[in-house]
Amino acid sequence: MARSRIPAPLRRSVIERARGCCEYCLLHQDDTDFAHHVDHVIALKHGGRTEEENLALACMECNLRKGPDLAAIDPVEGVLEPLFNPRLQRWSEHFSLMNASLLGKTPTGRATAALLRMNDPARLLERQRLILAGRYPRTNR
């Protein structure tokens, strides 16, 4: 996989734009032991560039599960769907929060939630804990 050094000012800009929250699962970086990553929405290997319009803040779990993928299978329809693109799409149009589960509202939302395993048991427990503490979600999307 191609590597790209992201200049510190650009990294800060991505973090500020996301208000410190993962742009996929909305976990705030203050609520995890691991620093969030700056994700290339369109991976370098697919011709994506290291520029603000192609970068998103992602928690470690979302970023490592997404990798260079651009699409995944919608578990409802069984069809290949593009992944959620936080630069082109609104989170609230593709996902909803029910209790602690992140539900895909669209084929893109369902495919993204499935690929990123947004509702794995450990992630659900963490989200439940944060909701009880009034720390999740921190932004309105």
N, C-alpha and C. Protein backbone atom coordinates (compact mmCIF):
# COMPACT_ATOMS: atom_id res chain seq x y z
N MET A 1 0.85 -1.17 0.00
CA MET A 1 0.00 0.00 0.00
C MET A 1 0.90 1.24 0.00
N ALA A 2 0.54 2.20 -0.81
CA ALA A 2 1.28 3.44 -0.86
C ALA A 2 1.12 4.21 0.44
N ARG A 3 2.14 4.85 0.87
CA ARG A 3 2.10 5.65 2.09
C ARG A 3 2.21 7.11 1.71
N SER A 4 1.56 7.95 2.50
CA SER A 4 1.61 9.37 2.26
C SER A 4 1.78 10.07 3.58
N ARG A 5 2.75 10.92 3.66
CA ARG A 5 2.91 11.73 4.86
C ARG A 5 1.94 12.89 4.74
N ILE A 6 1.15 13.07 5.77
CA ILE A 6 0.17 14.14 5.77
C ILE A 6 0.75 15.30 6.57
N PRO A 7 0.96 16.44 5.93
CA PRO A 7 1.55 17.58 6.64
C PRO A 7 0.71 17.96 7.87
N ALA A 8 1.39 18.37 8.93
CA ALA A 8 0.72 18.69 10.20
C ALA A 8 -0.41 19.71 10.04
N PRO A 9 -0.22 20.80 9.29
CA PRO A 9 -1.34 21.75 9.15
C PRO A 9 -2.58 21.11 8.49
N LEU A 10 -2.35 20.25 7.52
CA LEU A 10 -3.47 19.57 6.86
C LEU A 10 -4.14 18.60 7.83
N ARG A 11 -3.34 17.88 8.60
CA ARG A 11 -3.88 16.96 9.60
C ARG A 11 -4.75 17.73 10.61
N ARG A 12 -4.24 18.86 11.08
CA ARG A 12 -5.00 19.68 12.04
C ARG A 12 -6.31 20.17 11.43
N SER A 13 -6.27 20.55 10.18
CA SER A 13 -7.47 21.03 9.50
C SER A 13 -8.53 19.92 9.41
N VAL A 14 -8.09 18.70 9.11
CA VAL A 14 -9.03 17.56 9.02
C VAL A 14 -9.65 17.29 10.40
N ILE A 15 -8.84 17.33 11.43
CA ILE A 15 -9.34 17.08 12.79
C ILE A 15 -10.33 18.17 13.21
N GLU A 16 -10.00 19.41 12.91
CA GLU A 16 -10.89 20.52 13.27
C GLU A 16 -12.21 20.43 12.51
N ARG A 17 -12.14 20.15 11.23
CA ARG A 17 -13.37 20.04 10.43
C ARG A 17 -14.28 18.96 11.00
N ALA A 18 -13.70 17.86 11.47
CA ALA A 18 -14.48 16.74 12.02
C ALA A 18 -14.82 16.95 13.49
N ARG A 19 -14.36 18.04 14.06
CA ARG A 19 -14.56 18.33 15.49
C ARG A 19 -14.09 17.17 16.37
N GLY A 20 -13.04 16.52 15.92
CA GLY A 20 -12.44 15.44 16.70
C GLY A 20 -13.18 14.12 16.65
N CYS A 21 -14.22 14.03 15.83
CA CYS A 21 -15.03 12.80 15.77
C CYS A 21 -14.71 11.99 14.52
N CYS A 22 -14.74 10.68 14.69
CA CYS A 22 -14.62 9.80 13.53
C CYS A 22 -15.78 10.13 12.59
N GLU A 23 -15.50 10.33 11.35
CA GLU A 23 -16.55 10.71 10.41
C GLU A 23 -17.36 9.52 9.92
N TYR A 24 -17.02 8.33 10.39
CA TYR A 24 -17.80 7.15 10.06
C TYR A 24 -18.69 6.73 11.24
N CYS A 25 -18.11 6.58 12.43
CA CYS A 25 -18.90 6.09 13.57
C CYS A 25 -19.18 7.16 14.62
N LEU A 26 -18.62 8.34 14.47
CA LEU A 26 -18.84 9.49 15.35
C LEU A 26 -18.16 9.40 16.71
N LEU A 27 -17.31 8.41 16.92
CA LEU A 27 -16.57 8.32 18.18
C LEU A 27 -15.60 9.50 18.28
N HIS A 28 -15.64 10.23 19.39
CA HIS A 28 -14.72 11.35 19.58
C HIS A 28 -13.35 10.81 19.99
N GLN A 29 -12.31 11.44 19.50
CA GLN A 29 -10.97 10.94 19.80
C GLN A 29 -10.60 11.07 21.27
N ASP A 30 -11.29 11.91 22.02
CA ASP A 30 -11.04 11.98 23.47
C ASP A 30 -11.59 10.75 24.19
N ASP A 31 -12.42 9.96 23.52
CA ASP A 31 -13.06 8.81 24.15
C ASP A 31 -12.43 7.49 23.74
N THR A 32 -11.23 7.53 23.24
CA THR A 32 -10.54 6.30 22.85
C THR A 32 -9.08 6.38 23.28
N ASP A 33 -8.49 5.23 23.47
CA ASP A 33 -7.08 5.19 23.89
C ASP A 33 -6.14 5.42 22.71
N PHE A 34 -6.67 5.33 21.50
CA PHE A 34 -5.83 5.44 20.31
C PHE A 34 -6.19 6.69 19.52
N ALA A 35 -5.19 7.38 19.05
CA ALA A 35 -5.43 8.58 18.25
C ALA A 35 -6.17 8.20 16.97
N HIS A 36 -7.09 9.07 16.58
CA HIS A 36 -7.78 8.85 15.31
C HIS A 36 -6.78 8.99 14.15
N HIS A 37 -7.11 8.36 13.06
CA HIS A 37 -6.28 8.40 11.85
C HIS A 37 -6.88 9.38 10.85
N VAL A 38 -6.05 9.87 9.98
CA VAL A 38 -6.55 10.63 8.83
C VAL A 38 -6.63 9.65 7.67
N ASP A 39 -7.84 9.41 7.23
CA ASP A 39 -8.14 8.42 6.19
C ASP A 39 -8.19 9.07 4.82
N HIS A 40 -7.61 8.40 3.85
CA HIS A 40 -7.82 8.80 2.46
C HIS A 40 -9.14 8.17 2.03
N VAL A 41 -10.16 8.96 1.81
CA VAL A 41 -11.47 8.42 1.42
C VAL A 41 -11.31 7.59 0.15
N ILE A 42 -10.70 8.15 -0.85
CA ILE A 42 -10.27 7.39 -2.03
C ILE A 42 -8.79 7.10 -1.79
N ALA A 43 -8.48 5.84 -1.58
CA ALA A 43 -7.12 5.46 -1.21
C ALA A 43 -6.12 5.85 -2.29
N LEU A 44 -4.89 6.05 -1.85
CA LEU A 44 -3.81 6.41 -2.78
C LEU A 44 -3.70 5.37 -3.90
N LYS A 45 -3.89 4.10 -3.54
CA LYS A 45 -3.75 3.05 -4.55
C LYS A 45 -4.80 3.13 -5.64
N HIS A 46 -5.87 3.88 -5.37
CA HIS A 46 -6.93 4.06 -6.37
C HIS A 46 -6.86 5.45 -7.01
N GLY A 47 -5.75 6.15 -6.77
CA GLY A 47 -5.58 7.46 -7.37
C GLY A 47 -6.01 8.61 -6.49
N GLY A 48 -6.43 8.33 -5.25
CA GLY A 48 -6.80 9.40 -4.32
C GLY A 48 -5.58 10.24 -3.98
N ARG A 49 -5.83 11.45 -3.62
CA ARG A 49 -4.74 12.38 -3.33
C ARG A 49 -4.75 12.78 -1.87
N THR A 50 -3.60 13.23 -1.43
CA THR A 50 -3.49 13.75 -0.07
C THR A 50 -3.85 15.22 -0.11
N GLU A 51 -5.15 15.47 -0.18
CA GLU A 51 -5.68 16.82 -0.18
C GLU A 51 -6.96 16.83 0.64
N GLU A 52 -7.28 17.97 1.20
CA GLU A 52 -8.36 18.07 2.18
C GLU A 52 -9.67 17.45 1.69
N GLU A 53 -9.99 17.60 0.43
CA GLU A 53 -11.26 17.08 -0.09
C GLU A 53 -11.31 15.56 -0.14
N ASN A 54 -10.17 14.92 0.07
CA ASN A 54 -10.12 13.46 0.03
C ASN A 54 -9.74 12.85 1.38
N LEU A 55 -9.74 13.67 2.42
CA LEU A 55 -9.33 13.16 3.73
C LEU A 55 -10.49 13.23 4.71
N ALA A 56 -10.51 12.25 5.59
CA ALA A 56 -11.53 12.20 6.64
C ALA A 56 -10.88 11.72 7.92
N LEU A 57 -11.43 12.15 9.03
CA LEU A 57 -10.95 11.66 10.33
C LEU A 57 -11.65 10.35 10.62
N ALA A 58 -10.88 9.35 11.00
CA ALA A 58 -11.46 8.03 11.27
C ALA A 58 -10.82 7.44 12.52
N CYS A 59 -11.66 6.81 13.34
CA CYS A 59 -11.10 6.11 14.50
C CYS A 59 -10.27 4.95 13.97
N MET A 60 -9.43 4.42 14.83
CA MET A 60 -8.55 3.34 14.40
C MET A 60 -9.34 2.15 13.85
N GLU A 61 -10.42 1.80 14.54
CA GLU A 61 -11.18 0.62 14.10
C GLU A 61 -11.82 0.84 12.74
N CYS A 62 -12.44 1.98 12.54
CA CYS A 62 -13.05 2.24 11.23
C CYS A 62 -11.98 2.30 10.14
N ASN A 63 -10.89 2.99 10.42
CA ASN A 63 -9.87 3.15 9.38
C ASN A 63 -9.22 1.82 9.01
N LEU A 64 -8.90 1.00 9.99
CA LEU A 64 -8.25 -0.27 9.67
C LEU A 64 -9.20 -1.22 8.95
N ARG A 65 -10.49 -1.16 9.28
CA ARG A 65 -11.44 -2.04 8.59
C ARG A 65 -11.76 -1.53 7.19
N LYS A 66 -11.76 -0.24 7.01
CA LYS A 66 -12.04 0.32 5.67
C LYS A 66 -10.87 0.07 4.73
N GLY A 67 -9.66 0.33 5.22
CA GLY A 67 -8.49 0.15 4.36
C GLY A 67 -8.67 0.90 3.06
N PRO A 68 -8.25 0.32 1.93
CA PRO A 68 -8.39 1.00 0.64
C PRO A 68 -9.74 0.75 -0.03
N ASP A 69 -10.65 0.05 0.68
CA ASP A 69 -11.93 -0.31 0.04
C ASP A 69 -12.74 0.93 -0.35
N LEU A 70 -13.44 0.80 -1.45
CA LEU A 70 -14.32 1.86 -1.94
C LEU A 70 -15.78 1.41 -1.93
N ALA A 71 -16.01 0.11 -1.80
CA ALA A 71 -17.36 -0.45 -1.86
C ALA A 71 -17.42 -1.71 -1.01
N ALA A 72 -18.64 -2.11 -0.70
CA ALA A 72 -18.87 -3.34 0.05
C ALA A 72 -20.26 -3.85 -0.29
N ILE A 73 -20.55 -5.07 0.14
CA ILE A 73 -21.85 -5.68 -0.14
C ILE A 73 -22.88 -5.17 0.87
N ASP A 74 -24.00 -4.69 0.37
CA ASP A 74 -25.14 -4.33 1.22
C ASP A 74 -25.70 -5.65 1.76
N PRO A 75 -25.71 -5.85 3.08
CA PRO A 75 -26.18 -7.13 3.62
C PRO A 75 -27.66 -7.39 3.39
N VAL A 76 -28.44 -6.39 3.07
CA VAL A 76 -29.87 -6.58 2.82
C VAL A 76 -30.12 -6.99 1.37
N GLU A 77 -29.54 -6.25 0.45
CA GLU A 77 -29.79 -6.49 -0.98
C GLU A 77 -28.79 -7.45 -1.61
N GLY A 78 -27.64 -7.65 -0.97
CA GLY A 78 -26.61 -8.51 -1.53
C GLY A 78 -25.94 -7.93 -2.75
N VAL A 79 -25.93 -6.63 -2.85
CA VAL A 79 -25.39 -5.94 -4.02
C VAL A 79 -24.20 -5.07 -3.58
N LEU A 80 -23.21 -4.98 -4.45
CA LEU A 80 -22.06 -4.13 -4.17
C LEU A 80 -22.49 -2.66 -4.17
N GLU A 81 -22.15 -1.95 -3.11
CA GLU A 81 -22.53 -0.54 -2.97
C GLU A 81 -21.29 0.28 -2.62
N PRO A 82 -21.25 1.53 -3.06
CA PRO A 82 -20.13 2.39 -2.66
C PRO A 82 -20.19 2.66 -1.16
N LEU A 83 -19.01 2.82 -0.55
CA LEU A 83 -18.97 3.16 0.87
C LEU A 83 -19.37 4.61 1.08
N PHE A 84 -19.80 4.92 2.29
CA PHE A 84 -20.13 6.28 2.67
C PHE A 84 -18.90 7.17 2.45
N ASN A 85 -19.13 8.30 1.83
CA ASN A 85 -18.07 9.28 1.57
C ASN A 85 -18.38 10.54 2.36
N PRO A 86 -17.68 10.76 3.46
CA PRO A 86 -18.00 11.94 4.29
C PRO A 86 -17.74 13.28 3.61
N ARG A 87 -17.04 13.28 2.51
CA ARG A 87 -16.81 14.55 1.79
C ARG A 87 -17.96 14.85 0.84
N LEU A 88 -18.69 13.84 0.43
CA LEU A 88 -19.75 14.05 -0.56
C LEU A 88 -21.14 13.80 -0.01
N GLN A 89 -21.24 13.13 1.12
CA GLN A 89 -22.55 12.72 1.63
C GLN A 89 -22.72 13.16 3.08
N ARG A 90 -23.97 13.26 3.49
CA ARG A 90 -24.27 13.62 4.89
C ARG A 90 -24.51 12.35 5.70
N TRP A 91 -23.89 12.30 6.88
CA TRP A 91 -23.98 11.13 7.75
C TRP A 91 -25.44 10.80 8.05
N SER A 92 -26.22 11.80 8.39
CA SER A 92 -27.60 11.57 8.81
C SER A 92 -28.50 11.04 7.69
N GLU A 93 -28.08 11.17 6.46
CA GLU A 93 -28.85 10.61 5.36
C GLU A 93 -28.60 9.11 5.18
N HIS A 94 -27.50 8.63 5.74
CA HIS A 94 -27.11 7.22 5.53
C HIS A 94 -27.13 6.37 6.79
N PHE A 95 -27.14 7.02 7.96
CA PHE A 95 -27.08 6.28 9.22
C PHE A 95 -28.05 6.88 10.22
N SER A 96 -28.45 6.03 11.17
CA SER A 96 -29.19 6.53 12.32
C SER A 96 -28.68 5.79 13.55
N LEU A 97 -28.90 6.40 14.68
CA LEU A 97 -28.50 5.81 15.95
C LEU A 97 -29.76 5.33 16.65
N MET A 98 -29.80 4.03 16.93
CA MET A 98 -30.92 3.47 17.67
C MET A 98 -30.34 2.74 18.87
N ASN A 99 -30.67 3.26 20.05
CA ASN A 99 -29.99 2.82 21.25
C ASN A 99 -28.49 3.04 21.01
N ALA A 100 -27.70 2.03 20.99
CA ALA A 100 -26.27 2.23 20.72
C ALA A 100 -25.87 1.72 19.34
N SER A 101 -26.84 1.22 18.59
CA SER A 101 -26.53 0.66 17.27
C SER A 101 -26.54 1.74 16.20
N LEU A 102 -25.60 1.64 15.28
CA LEU A 102 -25.58 2.51 14.11
C LEU A 102 -26.21 1.72 12.97
N LEU A 103 -27.36 2.21 12.51
CA LEU A 103 -28.12 1.50 11.49
C LEU A 103 -27.94 2.19 10.15
N GLY A 104 -27.71 1.40 9.14
CA GLY A 104 -27.63 1.94 7.79
C GLY A 104 -29.04 2.21 7.29
N LYS A 105 -29.30 3.43 6.84
CA LYS A 105 -30.62 3.80 6.32
C LYS A 105 -30.70 3.59 4.81
N THR A 106 -29.57 3.48 4.19
CA THR A 106 -29.48 3.34 2.73
C THR A 106 -28.59 2.14 2.42
N PRO A 107 -28.59 1.68 1.18
CA PRO A 107 -27.64 0.62 0.82
C PRO A 107 -26.19 1.00 1.14
N THR A 108 -25.84 2.25 0.88
CA THR A 108 -24.49 2.72 1.21
C THR A 108 -24.25 2.66 2.71
N GLY A 109 -25.20 3.12 3.50
CA GLY A 109 -25.06 3.08 4.95
C GLY A 109 -24.94 1.66 5.47
N ARG A 110 -25.78 0.76 4.95
CA ARG A 110 -25.72 -0.64 5.41
C ARG A 110 -24.40 -1.30 5.02
N ALA A 111 -23.95 -1.06 3.80
CA ALA A 111 -22.69 -1.66 3.35
C ALA A 111 -21.52 -1.12 4.18
N THR A 112 -21.54 0.17 4.46
CA THR A 112 -20.46 0.78 5.25
C THR A 112 -20.49 0.26 6.67
N ALA A 113 -21.66 0.22 7.29
CA ALA A 113 -21.77 -0.27 8.67
C ALA A 113 -21.30 -1.72 8.77
N ALA A 114 -21.63 -2.51 7.76
CA ALA A 114 -21.22 -3.92 7.78
C ALA A 114 -19.71 -4.05 7.61
N LEU A 115 -19.15 -3.37 6.61
CA LEU A 115 -17.71 -3.49 6.36
C LEU A 115 -16.90 -2.99 7.56
N LEU A 116 -17.31 -1.87 8.14
CA LEU A 116 -16.57 -1.29 9.26
C LEU A 116 -16.93 -1.93 10.60
N ARG A 117 -17.84 -2.89 10.54
CA ARG A 117 -18.30 -3.61 11.75
C ARG A 117 -18.62 -2.62 12.87
N MET A 118 -19.44 -1.65 12.51
CA MET A 118 -19.79 -0.59 13.45
C MET A 118 -20.57 -1.10 14.66
N ASN A 119 -21.17 -2.27 14.53
CA ASN A 119 -22.00 -2.77 15.63
C ASN A 119 -21.46 -4.06 16.23
N ASP A 120 -20.17 -4.26 16.15
CA ASP A 120 -19.57 -5.39 16.85
C ASP A 120 -19.86 -5.22 18.35
N PRO A 121 -19.97 -6.32 19.07
CA PRO A 121 -20.35 -6.23 20.49
C PRO A 121 -19.49 -5.27 21.32
N ALA A 122 -18.19 -5.29 21.14
CA ALA A 122 -17.33 -4.40 21.93
C ALA A 122 -17.61 -2.93 21.60
N ARG A 123 -17.88 -2.66 20.33
CA ARG A 123 -18.15 -1.27 19.94
C ARG A 123 -19.52 -0.83 20.48
N LEU A 124 -20.49 -1.74 20.49
CA LEU A 124 -21.80 -1.41 21.06
C LEU A 124 -21.69 -1.11 22.55
N LEU A 125 -20.93 -1.95 23.26
CA LEU A 125 -20.76 -1.71 24.70
C LEU A 125 -20.10 -0.37 24.96
N GLU A 126 -19.08 -0.05 24.19
CA GLU A 126 -18.40 1.24 24.35
C GLU A 126 -19.36 2.39 24.08
N ARG A 127 -20.15 2.26 23.02
CA ARG A 127 -21.12 3.32 22.68
C ARG A 127 -22.17 3.46 23.78
N GLN A 128 -22.64 2.34 24.31
CA GLN A 128 -23.63 2.39 25.41
C GLN A 128 -23.04 3.13 26.61
N ARG A 129 -21.79 2.83 26.93
CA ARG A 129 -21.12 3.50 28.06
C ARG A 129 -21.03 5.01 27.80
N LEU A 130 -20.67 5.37 26.59
CA LEU A 130 -20.54 6.80 26.26
C LEU A 130 -21.89 7.50 26.25
N ILE A 131 -22.92 6.84 25.77
CA ILE A 131 -24.26 7.43 25.77
C ILE A 131 -24.70 7.69 27.21
N LEU A 132 -24.49 6.72 28.08
CA LEU A 132 -24.86 6.90 29.50
C LEU A 132 -24.10 8.05 30.13
N ALA A 133 -22.88 8.26 29.70
CA ALA A 133 -22.05 9.34 30.23
C ALA A 133 -22.35 10.67 29.54
N GLY A 134 -23.25 10.67 28.55
CA GLY A 134 -23.58 11.91 27.82
C GLY A 134 -22.48 12.35 26.87
N ARG A 135 -21.67 11.40 26.43
CA ARG A 135 -20.52 11.73 25.57
C ARG A 135 -20.69 11.25 24.13
N TYR A 136 -21.83 10.68 23.79
CA TYR A 136 -22.04 10.17 22.44
C TYR A 136 -23.47 10.36 22.03
N PRO A 137 -23.75 10.81 20.83
CA PRO A 137 -22.78 11.42 19.91
C PRO A 137 -22.50 12.84 20.33
N ARG A 138 -21.36 13.34 19.93
CA ARG A 138 -20.97 14.70 20.33
C ARG A 138 -21.37 15.74 19.30
N THR A 139 -21.68 15.31 18.11
CA THR A 139 -22.05 16.28 17.08
C THR A 139 -23.37 15.87 16.45
N ASN A 140 -24.03 16.82 15.90
CA ASN A 140 -25.23 16.55 15.12
C ASN A 140 -24.83 16.44 13.67
N ARG A 141 -25.15 15.33 13.07
CA ARG A 141 -24.75 15.09 11.67
C ARG A 141 -25.95 15.13 10.78
